[in-house]
Amino acid sequence: KGTVDLTSRGEVIVDDHGATSLEGVFAAGDCTTVPYKQIVIAMGDGAKASLAAFDYLIRATAPEKREAEAA
């Protein structure tokens, strides 16, 4: 609470990739706005959010980006 955007019911608002309103923070499962909160959906959302987080980290820490910023 106070870090990412929440609904009036306290659910974390996420986009299609599980990204929250705070860059680099992802959420999945029962705490999110995803409908039909069941274990299978939560597991699938967890996998999706972990892949999105991995993609974010790869792009954010890519050597080319660090070298360009240093120049």
C-alpha atoms as a PDB file:
ATOM      1  CA  LYS A   1       0.000   0.000   0.000  1.00  0.00           C
ATOM      2  CA  GLY A   2       1.392   3.368  -0.995  1.00  0.00           C
ATOM      3  CA  THR A   3       3.989   1.849  -3.331  1.00  0.00           C
ATOM      4  CA  VAL A   4       1.963   0.596  -6.289  1.00  0.00           C
ATOM      5  CA  ASP A   5      -1.522   1.508  -7.524  1.00  0.00           C
ATOM      6  CA  LEU A   6      -4.316  -0.489  -5.879  1.00  0.00           C
ATOM      7  CA  THR A   7      -8.045  -0.854  -6.466  1.00  0.00           C
ATOM      8  CA  SER A   8     -10.542   0.183  -3.786  1.00  0.00           C
ATOM      9  CA  ARG A   9     -10.557  -3.507  -2.745  1.00  0.00           C
ATOM     10  CA  GLY A  10      -6.779  -3.536  -2.261  1.00  0.00           C
ATOM     11  CA  GLU A  11      -5.914  -5.485  -5.404  1.00  0.00           C
ATOM     12  CA  VAL A  12      -2.660  -4.621  -7.192  1.00  0.00           C
ATOM     13  CA  ILE A  13      -3.370  -3.105 -10.608  1.00  0.00           C
ATOM     14  CA  VAL A  14      -1.316  -4.867 -13.309  1.00  0.00           C
ATOM     15  CA  ASP A  15      -1.086  -4.747 -17.095  1.00  0.00           C
ATOM     16  CA  ASP A  16      -1.135  -7.744 -19.460  1.00  0.00           C
ATOM     17  CA  HIS A  17       2.454  -8.580 -18.505  1.00  0.00           C
ATOM     18  CA  GLY A  18       1.989  -8.381 -14.736  1.00  0.00           C
ATOM     19  CA  ALA A  19       3.750  -5.000 -14.497  1.00  0.00           C
ATOM     20  CA  THR A  20       2.560  -2.646 -11.765  1.00  0.00           C
ATOM     21  CA  SER A  21       2.569   1.155 -11.693  1.00  0.00           C
ATOM     22  CA  LEU A  22       6.127   1.077 -10.294  1.00  0.00           C
ATOM     23  CA  GLU A  23       8.757   0.378 -12.950  1.00  0.00           C
ATOM     24  CA  GLY A  24      10.483  -2.961 -12.452  1.00  0.00           C
ATOM     25  CA  VAL A  25       7.874  -4.282  -9.991  1.00  0.00           C
ATOM     26  CA  PHE A  26       5.640  -7.131 -11.111  1.00  0.00           C
ATOM     27  CA  ALA A  27       2.737  -8.872  -9.379  1.00  0.00           C
ATOM     28  CA  ALA A  28       0.795 -12.058  -9.995  1.00  0.00           C
ATOM     29  CA  GLY A  29      -2.020 -14.162  -8.661  1.00  0.00           C
ATOM     30  CA  ASP A  30      -4.713 -13.487  -6.106  1.00  0.00           C
ATOM     31  CA  CYS A  31      -3.415 -10.045  -5.077  1.00  0.00           C
ATOM     32  CA  THR A  32      -3.939  -8.612  -8.585  1.00  0.00           C
ATOM     33  CA  THR A  33      -6.866  -7.426 -10.695  1.00  0.00           C
ATOM     34  CA  VAL A  34      -6.767 -10.593 -12.816  1.00  0.00           C
ATOM     35  CA  PRO A  35     -10.236 -12.182 -12.986  1.00  0.00           C
ATOM     36  CA  TYR A  36     -11.021 -15.783 -12.020  1.00  0.00           C
ATOM     37  CA  LYS A  37      -8.523 -16.089  -9.193  1.00  0.00           C
ATOM     38  CA  GLN A  38      -7.891 -19.797  -9.080  1.00  0.00           C
ATOM     39  CA  ILE A  39      -4.696 -21.711  -8.487  1.00  0.00           C
ATOM     40  CA  VAL A  40      -4.104 -22.526 -12.157  1.00  0.00           C
ATOM     41  CA  ILE A  41      -4.555 -18.906 -13.200  1.00  0.00           C
ATOM     42  CA  ALA A  42      -2.312 -17.738 -10.356  1.00  0.00           C
ATOM     43  CA  MET A  43       0.397 -20.196 -11.431  1.00  0.00           C
ATOM     44  CA  GLY A  44       0.168 -19.052 -15.049  1.00  0.00           C
ATOM     45  CA  ASP A  45       0.290 -15.405 -14.006  1.00  0.00           C
ATOM     46  CA  GLY A  46       3.322 -16.107 -11.835  1.00  0.00           C
ATOM     47  CA  ALA A  47       5.121 -17.621 -14.809  1.00  0.00           C
ATOM     48  CA  LYS A  48       4.114 -14.676 -17.012  1.00  0.00           C
ATOM     49  CA  ALA A  49       5.261 -12.090 -14.440  1.00  0.00           C
ATOM     50  CA  SER A  50       8.563 -13.888 -13.879  1.00  0.00           C
ATOM     51  CA  LEU A  51       9.245 -13.924 -17.624  1.00  0.00           C
ATOM     52  CA  ALA A  52       8.360 -10.229 -17.878  1.00  0.00           C
ATOM     53  CA  ALA A  53      10.637  -9.426 -14.925  1.00  0.00           C
ATOM     54  CA  PHE A  54      13.449 -11.450 -16.521  1.00  0.00           C
ATOM     55  CA  ASP A  55      12.965  -9.574 -19.805  1.00  0.00           C
ATOM     56  CA  TYR A  56      12.992  -6.243 -17.933  1.00  0.00           C
ATOM     57  CA  LEU A  57      16.230  -7.119 -16.110  1.00  0.00           C
ATOM     58  CA  ILE A  58      17.937  -8.304 -19.287  1.00  0.00           C
ATOM     59  CA  ARG A  59      17.062  -5.064 -21.067  1.00  0.00           C
ATOM     60  CA  ALA A  60      17.857  -2.843 -18.061  1.00  0.00           C
ATOM     61  CA  THR A  61      21.294  -4.368 -17.488  1.00  0.00           C
ATOM     62  CA  ALA A  62      22.334  -5.005 -21.085  1.00  0.00           C
ATOM     63  CA  PRO A  63      26.068  -4.261 -21.605  1.00  0.00           C
ATOM     64  CA  GLU A  64      25.336  -2.066 -24.634  1.00  0.00           C
ATOM     65  CA  LYS A  65      23.129   0.191 -22.521  1.00  0.00           C
ATOM     66  CA  ARG A  66      25.731   0.519 -19.749  1.00  0.00           C
ATOM     67  CA  GLU A  67      28.472   1.308 -22.284  1.00  0.00           C
ATOM     68  CA  ALA A  68      26.308   3.920 -24.024  1.00  0.00           C
ATOM     69  CA  GLU A  69      25.490   5.568 -20.685  1.00  0.00           C
ATOM     70  CA  ALA A  70      29.183   5.672 -19.739  1.00  0.00           C
ATOM     71  CA  ALA A  71      30.112   7.485 -22.972  1.00  0.00           C
END
